[in-house]
Amino acid sequence: MVSKNQIKLITSLQQKKYRINNQLFFAEGVKVIQELLQSNFELEHLYTTQFDFEEVPAAKKSLIHENDLKKISALATPNSCLAVFKIPQQKEISNSGLIIALDDIRDPGNLGTILRLCDWFGIKQVVCSKETVDIYNPKVVQATMGSITRVNVSYVDLAEYITQTQLPVFGTFMDGENIYKNILPQEGIIIMGNEANGISEEIEKIIKNRLSIPRFGDLQKTESLNVATATAIILSEFKRNLA
């Protein structure tokens, strides 16, 4: 059984302001929840329709009916479980190795996928502009499939952060240098831009290294790549010589 107050609290966490006010977020699905439970994230409470998650203390677990799960789920077709976790304090930015910087990424699915890619390619740090979608948005958490536990995500004034770094800064542009013909370092900041507008003018002005993914199609009519797809290609190329 889920009380009315619990339903009200959990559903409110779909909005950023209530996540901030309560310092809570929620995750759905066995895999994502298991990943979070095995990490440093602190569980507030788990709601499940199954006799599972035996490792969770009884005081922090409620067995509920499917109809109750539907009331608190953000999914059109709810999974078997939902867990509320405390939002941890933002960690210090790690300024070493390769860093992905996101300039106004708005789509939760894109951010979640980019985090999975960073996890796959061993990128430990993602730096987001303050306009980028919140990492604790339920759709982002779902799309990370657990990678949220292994990649440090920080929100900063992106222009200020870039101007203060000693690392080389790379940006992705349609008119940049062919990425396949460049010698790429193993340290640096790679900036990915907004889905519709690319990298903002403010950030573009302070980027010294402009890269592009060349089009090979005969008609050359494709305007752009999805930002997550482009991130996959770029990370693959940066990491290729390490394979």
C-alpha atoms as a PDB file:
ATOM      1  CA  MET A   1       0.000   0.000   0.000  1.00  0.00           C
ATOM      2  CA  VAL A   2       1.234   3.469  -0.926  1.00  0.00           C
ATOM      3  CA  SER A   3      -0.180   6.375   1.047  1.00  0.00           C
ATOM      4  CA  LYS A   4      -1.553   9.514  -0.589  1.00  0.00           C
ATOM      5  CA  ASN A   5       1.363  11.527   0.790  1.00  0.00           C
ATOM      6  CA  GLN A   6       3.859   9.066  -0.650  1.00  0.00           C
ATOM      7  CA  ILE A   7       2.145   9.187  -4.043  1.00  0.00           C
ATOM      8  CA  LYS A   8       2.160  12.978  -3.950  1.00  0.00           C
ATOM      9  CA  LEU A   9       5.854  13.106  -3.031  1.00  0.00           C
ATOM     10  CA  ILE A  10       7.030  10.552  -5.586  1.00  0.00           C
ATOM     11  CA  THR A  11       5.038  11.976  -8.500  1.00  0.00           C
ATOM     12  CA  SER A  12       6.290  15.472  -7.616  1.00  0.00           C
ATOM     13  CA  LEU A  13       9.848  14.231  -8.150  1.00  0.00           C
ATOM     14  CA  GLN A  14       9.183  14.205 -11.878  1.00  0.00           C
ATOM     15  CA  GLN A  15       9.725  17.975 -11.653  1.00  0.00           C
ATOM     16  CA  LYS A  16      13.163  19.434 -11.054  1.00  0.00           C
ATOM     17  CA  LYS A  17      12.106  21.979  -8.423  1.00  0.00           C
ATOM     18  CA  TYR A  18      10.666  19.264  -6.186  1.00  0.00           C
ATOM     19  CA  ARG A  19      13.741  17.084  -6.651  1.00  0.00           C
ATOM     20  CA  ILE A  20      15.840  20.023  -5.495  1.00  0.00           C
ATOM     21  CA  ASN A  21      13.517  20.904  -2.594  1.00  0.00           C
ATOM     22  CA  ASN A  22      13.396  17.328  -1.302  1.00  0.00           C
ATOM     23  CA  GLN A  23      16.907  16.303  -2.435  1.00  0.00           C
ATOM     24  CA  LEU A  24      15.385  13.094  -3.781  1.00  0.00           C
ATOM     25  CA  PHE A  25      15.010  11.357  -7.139  1.00  0.00           C
ATOM     26  CA  PHE A  26      13.582   8.027  -8.243  1.00  0.00           C
ATOM     27  CA  ALA A  27      14.596   5.177 -10.500  1.00  0.00           C
ATOM     28  CA  GLU A  28      12.554   2.379 -12.072  1.00  0.00           C
ATOM     29  CA  GLY A  29      13.394  -1.151 -13.165  1.00  0.00           C
ATOM     30  CA  VAL A  30      15.365  -3.967 -11.569  1.00  0.00           C
ATOM     31  CA  LYS A  31      18.654  -3.325 -13.404  1.00  0.00           C
ATOM     32  CA  VAL A  32      18.860   0.415 -12.714  1.00  0.00           C
ATOM     33  CA  ILE A  33      17.813   0.018  -9.091  1.00  0.00           C
ATOM     34  CA  GLN A  34      20.295  -2.815  -8.520  1.00  0.00           C
ATOM     35  CA  GLU A  35      23.095  -0.663  -9.943  1.00  0.00           C
ATOM     36  CA  LEU A  36      22.145   2.200  -7.628  1.00  0.00           C
ATOM     37  CA  LEU A  37      21.884  -0.088  -4.592  1.00  0.00           C
ATOM     38  CA  GLN A  38      25.392  -1.403  -5.265  1.00  0.00           C
ATOM     39  CA  SER A  39      26.801   2.122  -5.505  1.00  0.00           C
ATOM     40  CA  ASN A  40      27.236   4.983  -3.037  1.00  0.00           C
ATOM     41  CA  PHE A  41      23.712   6.288  -3.640  1.00  0.00           C
ATOM     42  CA  GLU A  42      21.621   6.174  -0.468  1.00  0.00           C
ATOM     43  CA  LEU A  43      18.237   4.478  -0.677  1.00  0.00           C
ATOM     44  CA  GLU A  44      15.269   6.336   0.782  1.00  0.00           C
ATOM     45  CA  HIS A  45      12.628   3.689   0.036  1.00  0.00           C
ATOM     46  CA  LEU A  46      11.915   0.867  -2.385  1.00  0.00           C
ATOM     47  CA  TYR A  47       8.478  -0.050  -3.749  1.00  0.00           C
ATOM     48  CA  THR A  48       8.140  -3.401  -5.477  1.00  0.00           C
ATOM     49  CA  THR A  49       5.415  -5.741  -6.694  1.00  0.00           C
ATOM     50  CA  GLN A  50       7.658  -8.800  -6.323  1.00  0.00           C
ATOM     51  CA  PHE A  51       9.291 -10.652  -3.434  1.00  0.00           C
ATOM     52  CA  ASP A  52      12.742  -9.489  -4.498  1.00  0.00           C
ATOM     53  CA  PHE A  53      15.583  -7.226  -3.345  1.00  0.00           C
ATOM     54  CA  GLU A  54      16.242  -9.393  -0.302  1.00  0.00           C
ATOM     55  CA  GLU A  55      19.303  -7.288   0.524  1.00  0.00           C
ATOM     56  CA  VAL A  56      17.120  -4.240   1.260  1.00  0.00           C
ATOM     57  CA  PRO A  57      16.049  -3.909   4.935  1.00  0.00           C
ATOM     58  CA  ALA A  58      12.335  -4.417   5.542  1.00  0.00           C
ATOM     59  CA  ALA A  59      12.031  -0.900   6.966  1.00  0.00           C
ATOM     60  CA  LYS A  60      13.062   0.546   3.604  1.00  0.00           C
ATOM     61  CA  LYS A  61      10.962  -1.712   1.393  1.00  0.00           C
ATOM     62  CA  SER A  62       7.257  -1.908   0.639  1.00  0.00           C
ATOM     63  CA  LEU A  63       5.466  -4.667  -1.248  1.00  0.00           C
ATOM     64  CA  ILE A  64       2.774  -2.952  -3.315  1.00  0.00           C
ATOM     65  CA  HIS A  65       0.091  -3.796  -5.841  1.00  0.00           C
ATOM     66  CA  GLU A  66       0.575  -3.144  -9.566  1.00  0.00           C
ATOM     67  CA  ASN A  67      -2.172  -0.510  -9.463  1.00  0.00           C
ATOM     68  CA  ASP A  68      -0.252   1.412  -6.807  1.00  0.00           C
ATOM     69  CA  LEU A  69       2.916   1.198  -8.886  1.00  0.00           C
ATOM     70  CA  LYS A  70       1.054   2.744 -11.816  1.00  0.00           C
ATOM     71  CA  LYS A  71       0.148   5.706  -9.626  1.00  0.00           C
ATOM     72  CA  ILE A  72       3.769   6.552  -8.867  1.00  0.00           C
ATOM     73  CA  SER A  73       5.491   5.443 -12.072  1.00  0.00           C
ATOM     74  CA  ALA A  74       6.654   7.835 -14.788  1.00  0.00           C
ATOM     75  CA  LEU A  75       6.528   5.043 -17.380  1.00  0.00           C
ATOM     76  CA  ALA A  76       3.622   4.326 -19.704  1.00  0.00           C
ATOM     77  CA  THR A  77       4.136   0.642 -18.915  1.00  0.00           C
ATOM     78  CA  PRO A  78       5.522   0.436 -15.371  1.00  0.00           C
ATOM     79  CA  ASN A  79       8.201  -2.062 -14.470  1.00  0.00           C
ATOM     80  CA  SER A  80       7.933  -4.142 -11.295  1.00  0.00           C
ATOM     81  CA  CYS A  81       9.668  -1.697  -8.979  1.00  0.00           C
ATOM     82  CA  LEU A  82      10.464   1.929  -8.173  1.00  0.00           C
ATOM     83  CA  ALA A  83      13.025   3.224  -5.709  1.00  0.00           C
ATOM     84  CA  VAL A  84      13.536   6.679  -4.221  1.00  0.00           C
ATOM     85  CA  PHE A  85      17.143   7.727  -3.578  1.00  0.00           C
ATOM     86  CA  LYS A  86      18.792  10.725  -1.967  1.00  0.00           C
ATOM     87  CA  ILE A  87      20.564  13.136  -4.302  1.00  0.00           C
ATOM     88  CA  PRO A  88      24.258  13.118  -3.349  1.00  0.00           C
ATOM     89  CA  GLN A  89      26.337  16.267  -3.032  1.00  0.00           C
ATOM     90  CA  GLN A  90      28.033  17.275  -6.281  1.00  0.00           C
ATOM     91  CA  LYS A  91      31.570  15.912  -6.357  1.00  0.00           C
ATOM     92  CA  GLU A  92      34.643  17.908  -7.274  1.00  0.00           C
ATOM     93  CA  ILE A  93      35.329  17.934 -11.018  1.00  0.00           C
ATOM     94  CA  SER A  94      38.102  15.616 -12.137  1.00  0.00           C
ATOM     95  CA  ASN A  95      40.218  17.619 -14.596  1.00  0.00           C
ATOM     96  CA  SER A  96      42.217  14.785 -16.085  1.00  0.00           C
ATOM     97  CA  GLY A  97      41.890  12.438 -19.016  1.00  0.00           C
ATOM     98  CA  LEU A  98      39.088  12.997 -21.515  1.00  0.00           C
ATOM     99  CA  ILE A  99      36.097  15.015 -20.371  1.00  0.00           C
ATOM    100  CA  ILE A 100      32.780  15.390 -22.171  1.00  0.00           C
ATOM    101  CA  ALA A 101      31.204  18.844 -21.856  1.00  0.00           C
ATOM    102  CA  LEU A 102      27.542  19.278 -22.809  1.00  0.00           C
ATOM    103  CA  ASP A 103      26.317  22.655 -24.018  1.00  0.00           C
ATOM    104  CA  ASP A 104      22.536  22.879 -23.512  1.00  0.00           C
ATOM    105  CA  ILE A 105      21.550  19.244 -24.150  1.00  0.00           C
ATOM    106  CA  ARG A 106      17.774  19.184 -23.651  1.00  0.00           C
ATOM    107  CA  ASP A 107      16.616  15.660 -24.485  1.00  0.00           C
ATOM    108  CA  PRO A 108      16.679  13.294 -21.467  1.00  0.00           C
ATOM    109  CA  GLY A 109      17.234  10.274 -23.699  1.00  0.00           C
ATOM    110  CA  ASN A 110      20.282  11.898 -25.278  1.00  0.00           C
ATOM    111  CA  LEU A 111      21.832  12.735 -21.912  1.00  0.00           C
ATOM    112  CA  GLY A 112      21.197   9.230 -20.612  1.00  0.00           C
ATOM    113  CA  THR A 113      22.684   7.655 -23.725  1.00  0.00           C
ATOM    114  CA  ILE A 114      25.737   9.928 -23.571  1.00  0.00           C
ATOM    115  CA  LEU A 115      26.346   8.810 -19.997  1.00  0.00           C
ATOM    116  CA  ARG A 116      26.177   5.172 -21.101  1.00  0.00           C
ATOM    117  CA  LEU A 117      28.672   5.949 -23.856  1.00  0.00           C
ATOM    118  CA  CYS A 118      31.004   7.652 -21.404  1.00  0.00           C
ATOM    119  CA  ASP A 119      30.780   4.630 -19.147  1.00  0.00           C
ATOM    120  CA  TRP A 120      31.549   2.338 -22.109  1.00  0.00           C
ATOM    121  CA  PHE A 121      34.558   4.354 -23.264  1.00  0.00           C
ATOM    122  CA  GLY A 122      35.935   4.943 -19.772  1.00  0.00           C
ATOM    123  CA  ILE A 123      35.093   8.643 -19.510  1.00  0.00           C
ATOM    124  CA  LYS A 124      34.833   9.432 -15.805  1.00  0.00           C
ATOM    125  CA  GLN A 125      33.766  13.085 -15.970  1.00  0.00           C
ATOM    126  CA  VAL A 126      30.892  14.857 -17.735  1.00  0.00           C
ATOM    127  CA  VAL A 127      30.529  18.631 -17.339  1.00  0.00           C
ATOM    128  CA  CYS A 128      27.143  20.143 -18.177  1.00  0.00           C
ATOM    129  CA  SER A 129      26.024  23.697 -18.779  1.00  0.00           C
ATOM    130  CA  LYS A 130      23.373  24.832 -16.335  1.00  0.00           C
ATOM    131  CA  GLU A 131      20.830  24.750 -19.186  1.00  0.00           C
ATOM    132  CA  THR A 132      21.399  21.039 -19.805  1.00  0.00           C
ATOM    133  CA  VAL A 133      18.621  18.694 -18.680  1.00  0.00           C
ATOM    134  CA  ASP A 134      18.863  17.551 -15.053  1.00  0.00           C
ATOM    135  CA  ILE A 135      20.739  14.276 -14.550  1.00  0.00           C
ATOM    136  CA  TYR A 136      18.102  13.190 -12.006  1.00  0.00           C
ATOM    137  CA  ASN A 137      15.212  13.599 -14.417  1.00  0.00           C
ATOM    138  CA  PRO A 138      13.486  10.146 -14.318  1.00  0.00           C
ATOM    139  CA  LYS A 139      13.873   9.728 -18.086  1.00  0.00           C
ATOM    140  CA  VAL A 140      17.600  10.449 -17.861  1.00  0.00           C
ATOM    141  CA  VAL A 141      18.072   8.026 -14.964  1.00  0.00           C
ATOM    142  CA  GLN A 142      16.191   5.361 -16.919  1.00  0.00           C
ATOM    143  CA  ALA A 143      18.222   5.936 -20.088  1.00  0.00           C
ATOM    144  CA  THR A 144      21.559   5.641 -18.259  1.00  0.00           C
ATOM    145  CA  MET A 145      20.772   2.004 -17.372  1.00  0.00           C
ATOM    146  CA  GLY A 146      22.968   2.295 -14.302  1.00  0.00           C
ATOM    147  CA  SER A 147      25.844   4.294 -15.792  1.00  0.00           C
ATOM    148  CA  ILE A 148      24.787   7.216 -13.592  1.00  0.00           C
ATOM    149  CA  THR A 149      26.615   5.379 -10.782  1.00  0.00           C
ATOM    150  CA  ARG A 150      29.974   5.328 -12.579  1.00  0.00           C
ATOM    151  CA  VAL A 151      30.228   8.709 -14.317  1.00  0.00           C
ATOM    152  CA  ASN A 152      30.633  11.938 -12.359  1.00  0.00           C
ATOM    153  CA  VAL A 153      28.289  14.644 -13.668  1.00  0.00           C
ATOM    154  CA  SER A 154      28.786  18.308 -12.742  1.00  0.00           C
ATOM    155  CA  TYR A 155      26.775  21.414 -13.635  1.00  0.00           C
ATOM    156  CA  VAL A 156      28.789  24.598 -14.120  1.00  0.00           C
ATOM    157  CA  ASP A 157      29.002  27.901 -15.939  1.00  0.00           C
ATOM    158  CA  LEU A 158      30.427  26.218 -19.024  1.00  0.00           C
ATOM    159  CA  ALA A 159      32.083  29.284 -20.548  1.00  0.00           C
ATOM    160  CA  GLU A 160      33.850  30.071 -17.281  1.00  0.00           C
ATOM    161  CA  TYR A 161      34.948  26.461 -16.857  1.00  0.00           C
ATOM    162  CA  ILE A 162      36.434  26.291 -20.363  1.00  0.00           C
ATOM    163  CA  THR A 163      38.307  29.573 -20.078  1.00  0.00           C
ATOM    164  CA  GLN A 164      39.962  28.419 -16.859  1.00  0.00           C
ATOM    165  CA  THR A 165      41.053  24.963 -18.007  1.00  0.00           C
ATOM    166  CA  GLN A 166      44.598  24.058 -19.029  1.00  0.00           C
ATOM    167  CA  LEU A 167      43.354  21.140 -21.133  1.00  0.00           C
ATOM    168  CA  PRO A 168      42.942  21.345 -24.929  1.00  0.00           C
ATOM    169  CA  VAL A 169      39.324  22.042 -25.877  1.00  0.00           C
ATOM    170  CA  PHE A 170      37.629  20.400 -28.851  1.00  0.00           C
ATOM    171  CA  GLY A 171      34.299  21.333 -30.388  1.00  0.00           C
ATOM    172  CA  THR A 172      32.190  19.528 -32.958  1.00  0.00           C
ATOM    173  CA  PHE A 173      31.155  21.554 -36.020  1.00  0.00           C
ATOM    174  CA  MET A 174      29.989  20.878 -39.563  1.00  0.00           C
ATOM    175  CA  ASP A 175      32.929  22.905 -40.916  1.00  0.00           C
ATOM    176  CA  GLY A 176      35.591  21.528 -38.571  1.00  0.00           C
ATOM    177  CA  GLU A 177      38.649  19.474 -39.479  1.00  0.00           C
ATOM    178  CA  ASN A 178      38.071  15.851 -40.456  1.00  0.00           C
ATOM    179  CA  ILE A 179      38.318  13.881 -37.204  1.00  0.00           C
ATOM    180  CA  TYR A 180      39.707  10.848 -39.066  1.00  0.00           C
ATOM    181  CA  LYS A 181      42.731  12.873 -40.223  1.00  0.00           C
ATOM    182  CA  ASN A 182      43.657  14.305 -36.829  1.00  0.00           C
ATOM    183  CA  ILE A 183      46.071  13.059 -34.203  1.00  0.00           C
ATOM    184  CA  LEU A 184      43.933  13.136 -31.088  1.00  0.00           C
ATOM    185  CA  PRO A 185      45.262  13.440 -27.529  1.00  0.00           C
ATOM    186  CA  GLN A 186      44.242  11.310 -24.570  1.00  0.00           C
ATOM    187  CA  GLU A 187      43.512  14.375 -22.459  1.00  0.00           C
ATOM    188  CA  GLY A 188      41.144  17.164 -23.313  1.00  0.00           C
ATOM    189  CA  ILE A 189      37.600  18.495 -23.179  1.00  0.00           C
ATOM    190  CA  ILE A 190      35.191  17.498 -25.945  1.00  0.00           C
ATOM    191  CA  ILE A 191      32.190  19.800 -26.256  1.00  0.00           C
ATOM    192  CA  MET A 192      28.900  18.541 -27.685  1.00  0.00           C
ATOM    193  CA  GLY A 193      26.206  21.054 -28.560  1.00  0.00           C
ATOM    194  CA  ASN A 194      22.456  21.468 -28.401  1.00  0.00           C
ATOM    195  CA  GLU A 195      20.298  19.116 -30.479  1.00  0.00           C
ATOM    196  CA  ALA A 196      18.819  21.867 -32.650  1.00  0.00           C
ATOM    197  CA  ASN A 197      21.415  24.642 -32.578  1.00  0.00           C
ATOM    198  CA  GLY A 198      24.744  22.966 -31.928  1.00  0.00           C
ATOM    199  CA  ILE A 199      27.369  24.682 -29.803  1.00  0.00           C
ATOM    200  CA  SER A 200      26.341  28.167 -28.662  1.00  0.00           C
ATOM    201  CA  GLU A 201      28.100  31.262 -30.013  1.00  0.00           C
ATOM    202  CA  GLU A 202      29.484  32.106 -26.566  1.00  0.00           C
ATOM    203  CA  ILE A 203      31.178  28.725 -26.272  1.00  0.00           C
ATOM    204  CA  GLU A 204      32.231  28.582 -29.938  1.00  0.00           C
ATOM    205  CA  LYS A 205      34.307  31.731 -29.538  1.00  0.00           C
ATOM    206  CA  ILE A 206      36.601  30.080 -27.006  1.00  0.00           C
ATOM    207  CA  ILE A 207      37.117  26.753 -28.783  1.00  0.00           C
ATOM    208  CA  LYS A 208      40.480  26.407 -30.529  1.00  0.00           C
ATOM    209  CA  ASN A 209      40.136  22.908 -31.981  1.00  0.00           C
ATOM    210  CA  ARG A 210      37.222  22.411 -34.379  1.00  0.00           C
ATOM    211  CA  LEU A 211      36.401  18.858 -35.414  1.00  0.00           C
ATOM    212  CA  SER A 212      33.837  17.383 -37.775  1.00  0.00           C
ATOM    213  CA  ILE A 213      32.548  13.946 -38.705  1.00  0.00           C
ATOM    214  CA  PRO A 214      32.609  13.886 -42.531  1.00  0.00           C
ATOM    215  CA  ARG A 215      29.558  12.858 -44.535  1.00  0.00           C
ATOM    216  CA  PHE A 216      30.102  10.003 -46.961  1.00  0.00           C
ATOM    217  CA  GLY A 217      26.652   9.912 -48.551  1.00  0.00           C
ATOM    218  CA  ASP A 218      26.517  10.637 -52.298  1.00  0.00           C
ATOM    219  CA  LEU A 219      23.920  13.405 -52.005  1.00  0.00           C
ATOM    220  CA  GLN A 220      25.427  15.069 -48.903  1.00  0.00           C
ATOM    221  CA  LYS A 221      21.978  16.185 -47.798  1.00  0.00           C
ATOM    222  CA  THR A 222      21.911  14.927 -44.199  1.00  0.00           C
ATOM    223  CA  GLU A 223      21.982  18.084 -42.086  1.00  0.00           C
ATOM    224  CA  SER A 224      23.414  16.635 -38.887  1.00  0.00           C
ATOM    225  CA  LEU A 225      23.832  13.620 -36.634  1.00  0.00           C
ATOM    226  CA  ASN A 226      21.955  12.977 -33.417  1.00  0.00           C
ATOM    227  CA  VAL A 227      24.168  14.319 -30.602  1.00  0.00           C
ATOM    228  CA  ALA A 228      24.419  10.949 -28.871  1.00  0.00           C
ATOM    229  CA  THR A 229      25.345   9.242 -32.137  1.00  0.00           C
ATOM    230  CA  ALA A 230      27.979  11.893 -32.802  1.00  0.00           C
ATOM    231  CA  THR A 231      29.343  11.431 -29.277  1.00  0.00           C
ATOM    232  CA  ALA A 232      29.730   7.691 -29.912  1.00  0.00           C
ATOM    233  CA  ILE A 233      31.725   8.275 -33.095  1.00  0.00           C
ATOM    234  CA  ILE A 234      33.937  10.934 -31.549  1.00  0.00           C
ATOM    235  CA  LEU A 235      34.721   8.926 -28.418  1.00  0.00           C
ATOM    236  CA  SER A 236      35.461   5.882 -30.511  1.00  0.00           C
ATOM    237  CA  GLU A 237      37.963   7.865 -32.572  1.00  0.00           C
ATOM    238  CA  PHE A 238      39.632   9.419 -29.514  1.00  0.00           C
ATOM    239  CA  LYS A 239      40.005   5.967 -27.969  1.00  0.00           C
ATOM    240  CA  ARG A 240      40.891   4.049 -31.143  1.00  0.00           C
ATOM    241  CA  ASN A 241      44.656   4.102 -30.652  1.00  0.00           C
ATOM    242  CA  LEU A 242      44.288   2.603 -27.178  1.00  0.00           C
ATOM    243  CA  ALA A 243      42.558  -0.550 -28.418  1.00  0.00           C
END
